[in-house]
Amino acid sequence: MPFVPQDANWYWAEIVLEITVEGLPGNTIEINLTLIRATSPEQAYFHAIALGQQSEVRDSNIEGKQIVTRFLGLRNLDVIHDALEHGCELLYEEKYNLSPAELDALIRQKDDLNLFRL
């Protein structure tokens, strides 16, 4: 099991949802990065599952077609090691032996960041 600080209070979960619309082919998959407050990994897991289940919705759109949002599960769950404050590290990812082209592909210009996309 990875290292979890004894005073850890925050975790993050990637909650996976599937959205379908009656009469339309295919689906939309949402992967929501969600902050979880918990005092243990087990409690974090329980809370993440509960949040996913609470996201399940059956509703109708303005055309009267049924929209179904279904919780599929978790893609990931991990602890946040640092106290939540400016500059704290929320998560990290490791990659190995990347080529220069692969390195360039990792970095986006401001307009290509999700926050600034139109």
Protein backbone atom coordinates (compact mmCIF):
# COMPACT_ATOMS: atom_id res chain seq x y z
CA MET A 1 0.00 0.00 0.00
CA PRO A 2 1.37 3.47 -0.83
CA PHE A 3 2.40 5.85 1.91
CA VAL A 4 -0.54 7.68 3.51
CA PRO A 5 0.39 10.31 6.11
CA GLN A 6 -1.25 9.68 9.49
CA ASP A 7 -2.75 13.18 9.44
CA ALA A 8 -4.12 12.89 5.89
CA ASN A 9 -7.57 14.44 5.58
CA TRP A 10 -7.91 14.88 1.83
CA TYR A 11 -8.03 12.46 -1.07
CA TRP A 12 -8.90 12.75 -4.75
CA ALA A 13 -11.01 10.41 -6.81
CA GLU A 14 -11.63 10.10 -10.53
CA ILE A 15 -15.32 9.27 -10.76
CA VAL A 16 -16.42 7.77 -14.09
CA LEU A 17 -19.94 8.48 -15.36
CA GLU A 18 -21.71 7.40 -18.54
CA ILE A 19 -24.36 9.67 -20.07
CA THR A 20 -26.82 8.38 -22.67
CA VAL A 21 -29.68 10.17 -24.41
CA GLU A 22 -32.72 8.25 -25.62
CA GLY A 23 -32.69 7.89 -29.39
CA LEU A 24 -29.08 8.96 -29.85
CA PRO A 25 -26.33 6.48 -30.65
CA GLY A 26 -23.33 6.18 -28.41
CA ASN A 27 -22.62 7.70 -25.04
CA THR A 28 -20.60 10.39 -23.32
CA ILE A 29 -18.13 9.40 -20.63
CA GLU A 30 -17.25 11.92 -17.93
CA ILE A 31 -14.25 11.47 -15.69
CA ASN A 32 -14.64 13.85 -12.77
CA LEU A 33 -11.66 14.66 -10.56
CA THR A 34 -13.32 15.05 -7.16
CA LEU A 35 -11.97 16.16 -3.79
CA ILE A 36 -12.76 13.78 -0.92
CA ARG A 37 -12.47 14.61 2.79
CA ALA A 38 -11.80 11.49 4.85
CA THR A 39 -9.74 10.23 7.77
CA SER A 40 -8.62 6.96 6.17
CA PRO A 41 -8.26 5.33 2.75
CA GLU A 42 -11.27 3.10 3.47
CA GLN A 43 -13.42 6.08 4.37
CA ALA A 44 -12.20 7.91 1.25
CA TYR A 45 -13.24 4.94 -0.87
CA PHE A 46 -16.67 4.82 0.77
CA HIS A 47 -17.18 8.57 0.20
CA ALA A 48 -15.99 8.39 -3.42
CA ILE A 49 -18.39 5.53 -4.20
CA ALA A 50 -21.24 7.40 -2.49
CA LEU A 51 -20.53 10.56 -4.52
CA GLY A 52 -20.50 8.53 -7.72
CA GLN A 53 -23.80 6.89 -6.85
CA GLN A 54 -25.32 10.28 -5.98
CA SER A 55 -24.41 11.44 -9.51
CA GLU A 56 -26.77 8.91 -11.07
CA VAL A 57 -29.72 10.74 -12.66
CA ARG A 58 -32.66 9.92 -14.89
CA ASP A 59 -34.23 13.01 -16.39
CA SER A 60 -35.82 14.33 -19.57
CA ASN A 61 -34.40 17.00 -21.82
CA ILE A 62 -36.46 19.80 -23.38
CA GLU A 63 -37.38 17.45 -26.25
CA GLY A 64 -38.80 14.92 -23.79
CA LYS A 65 -36.03 12.36 -24.40
CA GLN A 66 -34.72 10.49 -21.40
CA ILE A 67 -31.17 11.30 -20.29
CA VAL A 68 -29.50 8.73 -18.06
CA THR A 69 -26.33 9.39 -16.09
CA ARG A 70 -24.88 6.17 -14.70
CA PHE A 71 -22.01 5.74 -12.25
CA LEU A 72 -19.56 3.21 -13.70
CA GLY A 73 -16.93 3.23 -10.95
CA LEU A 74 -13.65 4.82 -9.98
CA ARG A 75 -10.69 5.23 -12.30
CA ASN A 76 -8.40 6.21 -9.46
CA LEU A 77 -8.30 7.18 -5.78
CA ASP A 78 -5.30 8.60 -3.95
CA VAL A 79 -4.28 10.69 -0.97
CA ILE A 80 -3.26 14.35 -1.07
CA HIS A 81 -0.04 14.47 0.93
CA ASP A 82 0.18 18.23 1.46
CA ALA A 83 -2.08 20.60 3.37
CA LEU A 84 -4.56 22.29 1.02
CA GLU A 85 -3.07 25.70 0.36
CA HIS A 86 -1.56 27.66 -2.52
CA GLY A 87 1.14 25.59 -4.15
CA CYS A 88 0.28 22.23 -2.61
CA GLU A 89 0.72 19.21 -4.86
CA LEU A 90 -2.60 17.50 -5.53
CA LEU A 91 -1.40 14.64 -7.70
CA TYR A 92 1.50 13.59 -9.82
CA GLU A 93 2.22 11.32 -12.74
CA GLU A 94 5.48 9.71 -13.78
CA LYS A 95 6.56 9.02 -17.35
CA TYR A 96 9.80 7.42 -18.46
CA ASN A 97 12.07 7.58 -21.49
CA LEU A 98 10.07 10.11 -23.49
CA SER A 99 11.33 11.30 -26.85
CA PRO A 100 11.67 15.04 -27.55
CA ALA A 101 8.42 14.89 -29.56
CA GLU A 102 6.60 13.19 -26.67
CA LEU A 103 7.94 15.84 -24.29
CA ASP A 104 6.71 18.62 -26.58
CA ALA A 105 3.27 16.97 -26.75
CA LEU A 106 2.96 17.15 -22.93
CA ILE A 107 3.15 20.95 -22.85
CA ARG A 108 0.23 23.08 -24.04
CA GLN A 109 -0.02 26.76 -24.82
CA LYS A 110 -2.39 28.86 -22.71
CA ASP A 111 -5.21 28.79 -25.29
CA ASP A 112 -5.07 24.98 -25.38
CA LEU A 113 -5.53 24.57 -21.61
CA ASN A 114 -9.01 23.42 -20.60
CA LEU A 115 -9.60 26.60 -18.60
CA PHE A 116 -9.09 28.80 -21.67
CA ARG A 117 -10.57 26.68 -24.47
CA LEU A 118 -13.58 28.11 -26.25
